[in-house]
N, C-alpha and C. Protein backbone atom coordinates (compact mmCIF):
# COMPACT_ATOMS: atom_id res chain seq x y z
N SER A 1 0.68 -0.79 -0.17
CA SER A 1 0.05 0.02 0.08
C SER A 1 0.65 1.38 -0.29
N VAL A 2 0.59 2.37 -0.59
CA VAL A 2 1.28 3.69 -0.91
C VAL A 2 0.56 4.29 -0.27
N VAL A 3 1.55 5.63 1.01
CA VAL A 3 0.67 6.42 1.61
C VAL A 3 0.96 7.44 0.92
N ARG A 4 0.16 8.73 0.75
CA ARG A 4 0.48 9.65 -0.24
C ARG A 4 1.00 11.14 1.48
N MET A 5 1.88 11.45 1.05
CA MET A 5 2.08 12.31 1.64
C MET A 5 2.36 13.92 1.19
N VAL A 6 1.80 14.73 2.56
CA VAL A 6 1.60 16.07 2.44
C VAL A 6 2.47 16.24 1.48
N ARG A 7 2.94 17.49 0.94
CA ARG A 7 3.65 18.01 0.03
C ARG A 7 4.79 19.06 0.61
N THR A 8 4.10 19.72 2.21
CA THR A 8 4.54 20.74 2.97
C THR A 8 5.26 19.58 3.78
N LEU A 9 6.72 19.40 3.93
CA LEU A 9 7.39 18.63 4.33
C LEU A 9 8.77 19.15 5.26
N ALA A 10 9.37 18.32 6.40
CA ALA A 10 10.70 18.68 6.56
C ALA A 10 11.50 18.95 6.14
N ASP A 11 13.16 19.51 6.07
CA ASP A 11 14.25 18.77 5.28
C ASP A 11 13.95 17.29 4.93
N GLU A 12 13.56 17.34 3.71
CA GLU A 12 13.51 15.70 3.27
C GLU A 12 14.83 15.30 3.31
N GLU A 13 15.99 15.31 2.77
CA GLU A 13 17.19 14.79 2.96
C GLU A 13 17.78 14.42 4.09
N ARG A 14 17.34 15.11 5.21
CA ARG A 14 17.93 15.55 6.54
C ARG A 14 17.06 13.98 7.33
N SER A 15 15.46 13.80 6.91
CA SER A 15 15.04 13.05 7.42
C SER A 15 15.18 11.56 6.65
N ILE A 16 15.30 11.44 6.11
CA ILE A 16 15.46 9.89 4.70
C ILE A 16 17.12 9.42 5.57
N ALA A 17 17.91 11.22 5.66
CA ALA A 17 19.36 10.63 5.84
C ALA A 17 19.67 9.82 7.39
N ARG A 18 18.30 10.43 8.26
CA ARG A 18 18.57 9.64 9.44
C ARG A 18 17.49 8.64 9.50
N GLY A 19 16.33 8.38 8.57
CA GLY A 19 15.91 7.14 8.76
C GLY A 19 14.83 7.57 9.50
N PRO A 20 13.94 6.55 8.83
CA PRO A 20 12.65 6.77 10.01
C PRO A 20 12.83 5.78 10.97
N THR A 21 12.76 5.81 12.47
CA THR A 21 12.72 4.69 12.99
C THR A 21 11.65 4.79 13.93
N ALA A 22 11.50 3.56 14.96
CA ALA A 22 9.81 4.07 15.74
C ALA A 22 10.48 5.20 17.09
N SER A 23 11.41 5.99 17.17
CA SER A 23 11.59 6.72 17.85
C SER A 23 10.77 8.22 17.09
N SER A 24 11.12 8.20 16.03
CA SER A 24 10.90 9.58 15.09
C SER A 24 9.53 9.68 14.70
N THR A 25 9.15 8.79 14.29
CA THR A 25 7.44 8.41 13.90
C THR A 25 6.90 7.64 14.51
N THR A 26 5.30 8.25 14.74
CA THR A 26 4.34 7.38 15.40
C THR A 26 3.40 6.60 14.71
N SER A 27 3.44 5.17 14.17
CA SER A 27 2.59 4.59 12.89
C SER A 27 2.01 4.00 14.04
N TYR A 28 0.41 3.58 12.80
CA TYR A 28 -0.32 2.59 13.65
C TYR A 28 -1.49 2.48 12.38
N ALA A 29 -1.91 1.00 12.60
CA ALA A 29 -2.66 0.64 11.90
C ALA A 29 -4.21 0.57 12.48
N THR A 30 -5.05 0.40 11.27
CA THR A 30 -6.40 0.01 12.05
C THR A 30 -7.19 -0.56 11.15
N PHE A 31 -8.34 -1.03 11.02
CA PHE A 31 -8.70 -2.25 10.65
C PHE A 31 -10.15 -1.86 10.42
N GLU A 32 -10.82 -2.00 9.67
CA GLU A 32 -12.06 -1.97 9.57
C GLU A 32 -13.31 -3.13 10.11
N GLY A 33 -14.12 -2.78 11.15
CA GLY A 33 -14.71 -3.76 11.72
C GLY A 33 -13.93 -3.87 12.97
N ARG A 34 -12.53 -3.16 13.82
CA ARG A 34 -11.97 -3.43 14.79
C ARG A 34 -11.86 -1.73 15.34
N PRO A 35 -13.43 -1.35 15.83
CA PRO A 35 -13.19 0.36 16.43
C PRO A 35 -12.72 0.62 17.50
N GLY A 36 -11.59 1.60 17.29
CA GLY A 36 -10.87 1.63 18.67
C GLY A 36 -9.70 0.90 18.95
N GLU A 37 -9.04 -0.20 18.16
CA GLU A 37 -8.28 -0.94 18.58
C GLU A 37 -7.11 -0.06 17.27
N ARG A 38 -6.11 0.23 17.79
CA ARG A 38 -4.75 0.48 16.96
C ARG A 38 -3.47 -0.36 17.04
N PHE A 39 -3.18 -0.86 15.83
CA PHE A 39 -1.86 -2.02 15.60
C PHE A 39 -0.83 -1.29 15.76
N PRO A 40 0.30 -1.03 16.73
CA PRO A 40 1.38 -0.20 16.44
C PRO A 40 2.36 -0.81 15.23
N LEU A 41 2.56 0.02 14.23
CA LEU A 41 4.06 -0.14 13.22
C LEU A 41 4.86 -0.13 13.42
N ARG A 42 5.97 -0.91 12.41
CA ARG A 42 7.41 -0.57 12.28
C ARG A 42 7.57 -0.57 11.65
N PRO A 43 8.59 0.81 10.83
CA PRO A 43 9.27 1.04 9.93
C PRO A 43 10.28 0.04 9.34
N LYS A 44 9.89 -0.53 8.05
CA LYS A 44 10.95 -1.39 7.38
C LYS A 44 11.76 -1.14 6.46
N GLU A 45 10.74 -0.42 5.73
CA GLU A 45 11.84 0.26 4.35
C GLU A 45 10.95 1.18 3.77
N ILE A 46 11.76 2.43 3.34
CA ILE A 46 10.88 3.84 2.94
C ILE A 46 12.01 3.66 1.39
N ALA A 47 11.38 4.18 0.46
CA ALA A 47 11.55 4.28 -0.62
C ALA A 47 12.57 6.19 -0.83
N THR A 48 13.75 5.77 -1.39
CA THR A 48 14.34 7.58 -0.95
C THR A 48 13.72 8.19 -2.09
N ALA A 49 13.35 7.95 -3.04
CA ALA A 49 12.78 8.80 -4.66
C ALA A 49 11.26 8.54 -5.37
N ALA A 50 10.89 9.25 -5.12
CA ALA A 50 9.56 9.34 -5.49
C ALA A 50 9.10 8.74 -6.84
N ASN A 51 8.12 8.14 -6.49
CA ASN A 51 7.88 7.38 -8.66
C ASN A 51 6.98 8.70 -8.98
N ASP A 52 8.05 8.80 -10.32
CA ASP A 52 7.55 10.17 -10.96
C ASP A 52 6.09 9.93 -11.18
N GLN A 53 5.30 9.24 -11.30
CA GLN A 53 4.33 9.32 -12.18
C GLN A 53 3.66 10.13 -10.59
N THR A 54 3.28 9.10 -9.85
CA THR A 54 2.41 9.47 -8.97
C THR A 54 3.52 10.68 -7.83
N GLN A 55 4.20 10.65 -7.56
CA GLN A 55 4.68 11.73 -6.75
C GLN A 55 4.93 10.93 -5.19
N THR A 56 4.67 10.03 -5.08
CA THR A 56 4.03 9.73 -3.72
C THR A 56 5.41 8.44 -3.50
N TYR A 57 5.99 7.85 -1.91
CA TYR A 57 7.00 7.05 -1.93
C TYR A 57 6.40 5.92 -1.22
N ARG A 58 7.23 5.23 -1.52
CA ARG A 58 6.64 3.45 -1.01
C ARG A 58 7.31 3.60 0.33
N ALA A 59 6.31 2.81 0.79
CA ALA A 59 6.83 2.51 2.32
C ALA A 59 6.22 1.16 2.75
N THR A 60 6.91 -0.05 3.54
CA THR A 60 6.80 -1.24 4.01
C THR A 60 7.02 -0.81 5.50
N PHE A 61 5.51 -1.63 6.16
CA PHE A 61 5.81 -1.23 7.89
C PHE A 61 5.45 -2.94 8.42
N THR A 62 6.31 -3.36 9.56
CA THR A 62 5.69 -4.38 10.09
C THR A 62 5.10 -4.25 10.90
N MET A 63 4.37 -5.28 11.82
CA MET A 63 3.62 -5.47 12.91
C MET A 63 3.75 -6.54 13.33
N PRO A 64 3.03 -6.98 14.71
CA PRO A 64 3.11 -7.95 15.15
C PRO A 64 1.53 -8.55 15.41
N ALA A 65 1.61 -10.06 15.12
CA ALA A 65 0.55 -10.67 14.43
C ALA A 65 -0.73 -10.24 16.13
N PRO A 66 -1.80 -9.79 14.99
CA PRO A 66 -2.68 -9.83 16.33
C PRO A 66 -3.33 -10.88 17.17
N GLU A 67 -3.14 -10.53 18.33
CA GLU A 67 -3.89 -11.51 19.21
C GLU A 67 -5.33 -11.84 19.25
N SER A 68 -6.18 -10.65 19.12
CA SER A 68 -7.75 -11.04 18.93
C SER A 68 -7.92 -11.05 18.01
N PHE A 69 -7.49 -11.46 16.80
CA PHE A 69 -8.26 -11.62 15.25
C PHE A 69 -6.57 -11.94 14.36
N THR A 70 -6.91 -12.85 13.28
CA THR A 70 -6.24 -13.31 11.94
C THR A 70 -5.93 -12.52 11.05
N VAL A 71 -4.73 -11.62 10.85
CA VAL A 71 -5.02 -10.95 9.92
C VAL A 71 -4.48 -11.60 8.38
N LEU A 72 -5.49 -11.32 7.26
CA LEU A 72 -5.49 -12.44 6.32
C LEU A 72 -4.93 -11.85 4.65
N PRO A 73 -4.44 -11.90 3.84
CA PRO A 73 -3.43 -11.14 2.80
C PRO A 73 -5.13 -10.54 2.47
N GLY A 74 -4.93 -9.64 1.88
CA GLY A 74 -6.34 -9.21 1.18
C GLY A 74 -6.67 -7.99 2.03
N MET A 75 -6.23 -8.40 3.12
CA MET A 75 -7.19 -7.00 4.24
C MET A 75 -7.02 -6.01 3.77
N THR A 76 -8.11 -4.91 4.10
CA THR A 76 -7.83 -3.53 4.00
C THR A 76 -7.18 -2.95 5.28
N THR A 77 -6.15 -1.90 5.85
CA THR A 77 -5.76 -1.68 6.87
C THR A 77 -5.72 0.33 6.18
N THR A 78 -5.75 1.14 7.14
CA THR A 78 -5.86 2.42 6.87
C THR A 78 -4.65 2.94 8.01
N VAL A 79 -3.29 3.48 7.38
CA VAL A 79 -2.34 3.23 8.55
C VAL A 79 -2.33 4.61 8.97
N TYR A 80 -2.12 5.01 9.80
CA TYR A 80 -1.92 6.64 10.30
C TYR A 80 -0.06 6.77 11.20
N LEU A 81 0.31 8.40 10.29
CA LEU A 81 1.86 8.39 10.31
C LEU A 81 2.11 9.70 11.05
N ASP A 82 1.99 9.93 12.06
CA ASP A 82 2.39 11.34 12.84
C ASP A 82 3.97 11.34 12.83
N LEU A 83 3.73 12.38 11.54
CA LEU A 83 5.60 12.94 11.61
C LEU A 83 5.57 14.18 11.83
N SER A 84 5.05 14.63 12.42
CA SER A 84 5.16 15.93 13.30
C SER A 84 6.47 16.00 13.42
N ARG A 85 7.21 15.23 14.66
CA ARG A 85 8.70 15.15 15.55
C ARG A 85 9.38 15.03 14.10
N LEU A 86 9.33 15.19 12.99
CA LEU A 86 10.24 15.01 12.02
C LEU A 86 10.46 16.66 11.25
N LEU A 87 9.05 17.52 11.71
CA LEU A 87 9.34 18.63 11.30
C LEU A 87 10.14 19.55 12.46
N ASP A 88 10.40 20.70 11.96
CA ASP A 88 11.35 21.19 12.94
C ASP A 88 11.28 23.05 12.28
N GLN A 89 11.52 24.12 13.25
CA GLN A 89 11.72 25.65 12.84
C GLN A 89 12.56 25.45 11.66
N GLU A 90 13.55 24.57 11.16
CA GLU A 90 13.90 24.83 9.70
C GLU A 90 13.17 24.44 8.72
N SER A 91 11.78 23.99 8.96
CA SER A 91 11.04 23.37 7.35
C SER A 91 11.37 23.99 6.41
N VAL A 92 11.55 23.32 5.28
CA VAL A 92 11.33 24.01 3.83
C VAL A 92 9.47 23.34 3.10
N ARG A 93 9.07 24.26 2.66
CA ARG A 93 8.17 24.58 1.78
C ARG A 93 8.17 23.79 0.18
N GLN A 94 7.05 22.87 0.05
CA GLN A 94 7.34 22.51 -1.30
C GLN A 94 6.12 22.95 -1.93
N VAL A 95 6.33 23.68 -3.32
CA VAL A 95 4.92 24.18 -3.81
C VAL A 95 5.11 24.09 -5.17
N PRO A 96 4.05 23.67 -6.59
CA PRO A 96 3.86 23.38 -7.50
C PRO A 96 4.91 24.54 -8.11
N VAL A 97 5.91 23.75 -9.36
CA VAL A 97 6.60 24.82 -10.11
C VAL A 97 5.74 26.08 -10.38
N ARG A 98 4.66 25.35 -10.80
CA ARG A 98 4.03 26.30 -11.48
C ARG A 98 3.33 27.80 -10.83
N ALA A 99 3.79 27.37 -9.58
CA ALA A 99 3.34 28.58 -8.69
C ALA A 99 3.77 29.44 -8.58
N VAL A 100 5.63 29.23 -8.99
CA VAL A 100 6.22 30.53 -8.80
C VAL A 100 6.31 30.93 -10.29
N GLN A 101 6.52 32.26 -9.60
CA GLN A 101 6.28 33.13 -10.95
C GLN A 101 7.87 34.12 -10.66
N ALA A 102 8.34 34.46 -12.12
CA ALA A 102 9.77 35.92 -11.38
C ALA A 102 8.56 37.56 -11.61
N ASP A 103 9.26 38.29 -11.05
CA ASP A 103 8.92 39.31 -11.35
C ASP A 103 9.68 40.35 -12.16
N SER A 104 9.64 41.61 -12.14
CA SER A 104 9.71 42.36 -13.27
C SER A 104 11.74 42.26 -13.00
N ARG A 105 12.18 42.36 -11.72
CA ARG A 105 13.23 41.67 -11.50
C ARG A 105 13.77 40.68 -12.14
N LEU A 106 13.54 39.63 -12.08
CA LEU A 106 13.44 38.62 -12.52
C LEU A 106 13.45 37.59 -11.21
N GLN A 107 13.23 38.25 -9.81
CA GLN A 107 13.37 37.62 -8.94
C GLN A 107 11.86 36.41 -8.50
N PRO A 108 12.02 35.39 -7.92
CA PRO A 108 10.71 34.42 -7.35
C PRO A 108 10.16 35.30 -6.77
N ARG A 109 8.67 35.01 -7.03
CA ARG A 109 7.57 35.47 -6.04
C ARG A 109 6.23 34.27 -6.79
N VAL A 110 5.52 34.47 -5.69
CA VAL A 110 4.06 33.56 -5.76
C VAL A 110 2.87 34.39 -5.14
N TRP A 111 1.88 34.11 -5.72
CA TRP A 111 0.43 34.83 -5.32
C TRP A 111 -0.23 34.02 -4.41
N VAL A 112 -0.04 35.31 -3.13
CA VAL A 112 -1.08 34.56 -1.45
C VAL A 112 -2.20 34.89 -2.07
N LEU A 113 -3.40 34.21 -1.51
CA LEU A 113 -4.75 34.54 -1.73
C LEU A 113 -5.34 34.80 -0.27
N ASP A 114 -5.81 36.04 -0.19
CA ASP A 114 -6.85 36.41 0.82
C ASP A 114 -7.95 35.83 1.31
N PRO A 115 -8.16 34.55 1.72
CA PRO A 115 -9.45 34.09 1.83
C PRO A 115 -10.34 35.32 1.93
N ALA A 116 -10.39 36.45 3.18
CA ALA A 116 -12.02 36.83 3.36
C ALA A 116 -11.78 38.21 2.21
N THR A 117 -11.20 38.52 1.55
CA THR A 117 -11.50 39.21 0.42
C THR A 117 -11.48 38.46 -1.22
N MET A 118 -11.02 37.43 -1.29
CA MET A 118 -10.51 36.62 -2.49
C MET A 118 -9.31 37.73 -3.43
N THR A 119 -8.31 38.20 -2.82
CA THR A 119 -7.58 39.17 -3.52
C THR A 119 -6.34 38.49 -3.46
N VAL A 120 -5.53 38.50 -4.20
CA VAL A 120 -4.21 38.14 -4.39
C VAL A 120 -2.95 39.02 -4.14
N SER A 121 -1.62 38.87 -3.63
CA SER A 121 -0.98 39.40 -3.35
C SER A 121 0.53 38.93 -3.18
N SER A 122 1.00 39.63 -4.14
CA SER A 122 2.47 38.86 -4.78
C SER A 122 3.54 38.82 -3.02
N ARG A 123 4.30 38.08 -3.54
CA ARG A 123 5.17 37.63 -1.94
C ARG A 123 6.54 36.94 -2.65
N ASN A 124 7.17 37.48 -2.29
CA ASN A 124 8.65 37.59 -2.36
C ASN A 124 9.55 36.10 -2.01
N VAL A 125 10.02 35.13 -2.61
CA VAL A 125 10.10 34.19 -1.97
C VAL A 125 11.31 33.78 -2.51
N SER A 126 12.13 32.82 -1.40
CA SER A 126 13.65 32.18 -1.96
C SER A 126 12.97 30.87 -2.09
N VAL A 127 14.10 30.01 -3.34
CA VAL A 127 13.82 28.59 -3.47
C VAL A 127 15.34 28.12 -3.88
N GLY A 128 14.96 26.91 -3.36
CA GLY A 128 15.87 25.99 -3.89
C GLY A 128 15.90 24.85 -4.04
N ARG A 129 15.80 23.31 -4.48
CA ARG A 129 15.79 22.44 -4.86
C ARG A 129 14.37 21.79 -5.87
N MET A 130 14.84 21.51 -7.49
CA MET A 130 13.26 21.30 -7.72
C MET A 130 13.39 19.72 -7.34
N THR A 131 12.34 19.18 -6.74
CA THR A 131 11.72 18.01 -7.41
C THR A 131 10.73 17.79 -7.90
N GLY A 132 10.71 16.67 -9.25
CA GLY A 132 9.51 16.62 -10.11
C GLY A 132 9.13 17.88 -10.67
N ARG A 133 7.70 17.83 -9.88
CA ARG A 133 6.62 19.01 -10.48
C ARG A 133 6.54 20.04 -9.44
N TYR A 134 7.63 19.99 -8.44
CA TYR A 134 7.75 21.19 -7.04
C TYR A 134 9.09 21.64 -7.06
N VAL A 135 8.88 22.26 -6.34
CA VAL A 135 10.13 23.15 -6.05
C VAL A 135 10.14 23.39 -4.70
N GLN A 136 11.40 24.01 -3.93
CA GLN A 136 11.73 24.00 -2.32
C GLN A 136 11.04 25.43 -2.58
N VAL A 137 10.74 26.03 -1.12
CA VAL A 137 10.74 27.72 -1.16
C VAL A 137 11.06 27.75 0.49
N THR A 138 11.98 28.29 0.30
CA THR A 138 13.10 27.68 1.76
C THR A 138 13.21 29.58 2.36
N ASP A 139 12.60 30.54 2.02
CA ASP A 139 11.53 31.66 2.63
C ASP A 139 11.07 32.51 1.77
N GLY A 140 10.51 33.16 2.84
CA GLY A 140 9.28 33.94 2.12
C GLY A 140 7.67 33.19 2.92
N LEU A 141 7.21 32.08 2.88
CA LEU A 141 6.01 31.30 3.36
C LEU A 141 6.42 31.36 4.83
N ASP A 142 5.78 31.51 5.21
CA ASP A 142 5.15 31.10 6.99
C ASP A 142 4.96 29.74 7.10
N GLY A 143 3.98 29.32 6.25
CA GLY A 143 3.02 28.11 6.37
C GLY A 143 1.73 28.37 6.54
N GLY A 144 0.78 27.14 5.82
CA GLY A 144 -0.23 27.32 6.09
C GLY A 144 -1.20 29.03 4.83
N GLU A 145 -0.01 29.53 4.25
CA GLU A 145 -0.87 30.49 3.23
C GLU A 145 -1.21 29.58 2.23
N GLU A 146 -2.69 30.11 1.12
CA GLU A 146 -2.76 29.75 0.52
C GLU A 146 -2.45 30.61 -0.61
N ILE A 147 -1.65 29.37 -1.96
CA ILE A 147 -1.11 30.34 -2.74
C ILE A 147 -1.89 29.70 -4.27
N VAL A 148 -1.68 30.45 -5.15
CA VAL A 148 -2.07 30.45 -6.58
C VAL A 148 -1.06 29.57 -7.66
N ALA A 149 -2.08 28.27 -7.99
CA ALA A 149 -0.84 27.52 -8.65
C ALA A 149 -1.21 28.04 -9.97
N VAL A 150 -2.88 27.56 -10.77
CA VAL A 150 -3.21 27.92 -11.69
C VAL A 150 -3.64 28.99 -12.14
N GLY A 151 -2.51 29.44 -13.37
CA GLY A 151 -3.89 31.12 -14.02
C GLY A 151 -2.28 32.01 -13.18
N ALA A 152 -1.28 31.54 -12.64
CA ALA A 152 -0.67 32.84 -11.37
C ALA A 152 -0.02 33.27 -12.69
N PRO A 153 0.75 33.55 -13.77
CA PRO A 153 1.27 34.36 -15.08
C PRO A 153 0.60 35.56 -15.17
N TYR A 154 -1.02 35.10 -14.89
CA TYR A 154 -2.14 36.14 -15.11
C TYR A 154 -2.23 37.16 -14.28
N LEU A 155 -1.58 37.51 -12.65
CA LEU A 155 -2.37 37.68 -11.87
C LEU A 155 -1.80 39.21 -11.74
N ALA A 156 -2.45 40.13 -10.97
CA ALA A 156 -1.86 41.38 -11.04
C ALA A 156 -2.33 41.64 -9.40
N GLU A 157 -1.69 42.61 -8.39
CA GLU A 157 -1.56 42.86 -7.45
C GLU A 157 -3.13 43.36 -7.04
N GLY A 158 -3.46 42.52 -6.19
CA GLY A 158 -4.86 43.13 -5.96
C GLY A 158 -6.14 42.28 -6.63
N MET A 159 -5.52 41.59 -7.40
CA MET A 159 -6.73 40.81 -8.15
C MET A 159 -8.16 40.05 -7.84
N LYS A 160 -8.81 40.23 -7.98
CA LYS A 160 -9.99 39.04 -7.27
C LYS A 160 -9.95 38.02 -7.96
N VAL A 161 -10.13 37.23 -7.35
CA VAL A 161 -10.30 35.75 -8.20
C VAL A 161 -11.44 34.97 -7.15
N THR A 162 -10.99 33.84 -8.03
CA THR A 162 -12.28 32.62 -7.09
C THR A 162 -11.73 31.00 -6.91
N ARG A 163 -12.20 30.46 -6.83
CA ARG A 163 -11.24 29.01 -6.25
C ARG A 163 -11.40 27.78 -7.62
N MET A 164 -10.73 27.11 -7.54
CA MET A 164 -11.31 26.16 -8.59
C MET A 164 -11.83 25.25 -7.80
N PRO A 165 -12.99 24.18 -8.24
CA PRO A 165 -13.55 23.17 -7.16
C PRO A 165 -12.33 22.07 -7.51
N MET A 166 -12.49 21.63 -5.76
CA MET A 166 -11.56 20.66 -5.82
C MET A 166 -11.28 19.24 -6.87
N SER A 167 -12.64 18.59 -7.21
CA SER A 167 -12.86 17.58 -8.24
C SER A 167 -14.70 18.11 -8.46
N GLU A 168 -14.48 17.02 -9.70
CA GLU A 168 -15.97 16.92 -10.37
C GLU A 168 -16.15 15.51 -10.08
N GLN A 169 -17.74 15.05 -9.36
CA GLN A 169 -17.64 13.73 -10.09
C GLN A 169 -18.56 13.72 -10.84
N ALA A 170 -18.54 12.80 -11.39
CA ALA A 170 -19.63 12.22 -12.42
C ALA A 170 -20.96 11.83 -11.80
N GLU A 171 -22.28 12.21 -12.37
CA GLU A 171 -23.48 11.98 -12.41
C GLU A 171 -23.89 10.11 -12.98
N PRO A 172 -23.52 9.28 -11.83
CA PRO A 172 -24.02 8.03 -12.57
C PRO A 172 -25.25 7.59 -13.25
N ARG A 173 -25.18 7.06 -14.63
CA ARG A 173 -26.42 7.19 -15.22
C ARG A 173 -27.47 6.14 -14.77
N ALA A 174 -28.57 6.03 -14.91
CA ALA A 174 -29.65 4.93 -14.36
C ALA A 174 -28.97 3.80 -15.14
N ASP A 175 -29.12 3.97 -16.15
CA ASP A 175 -28.63 2.33 -16.43
C ASP A 175 -27.04 1.91 -16.24
N ASP A 176 -26.55 2.38 -15.46
CA ASP A 176 -24.72 1.97 -15.29
C ASP A 176 -25.42 0.65 -14.14
N PRO A 177 -24.06 -0.26 -14.41
CA PRO A 177 -23.86 -1.41 -13.60
C PRO A 177 -23.25 -0.91 -11.75
N LEU A 178 -24.08 -1.51 -11.12
CA LEU A 178 -23.19 -0.67 -9.69
C LEU A 178 -22.48 -1.57 -9.61
């Protein structure tokens, strides 16, 4: 099973070099039909390179066999990872490459959304290494800001914008099989 990690992360290289350990992360699994039961996991293997298409890292965990039931091949589990101990004050933010634009002096910037007024303002940033479709922002963002990625080259200071829908769901047809 592949765990999709949030793209805002601590110094990725340092956390990989340090390696995941039981003391640096808390992880557990839950199984459907076993409410309230948590089964501790221990990291066994974590890929150091992301999959080019999915931008995810393959991770393998082990756990002791539960005494209260038998885990069978093909059973579905939900894995919870608490990565907060890997984050520190020197954390690095990653944003989509298309969100970083150049200002008139060719300095990198992003457009930050003010959700109260739905307007954008330019924010100068410092960038680091590119990884796939993401680039590290090492300075200029505090974390938690909402930035514009789609249409960023066409924005102007104070411009009013709207959010794109998160996803569109297809409506099933009456004759579609269940």
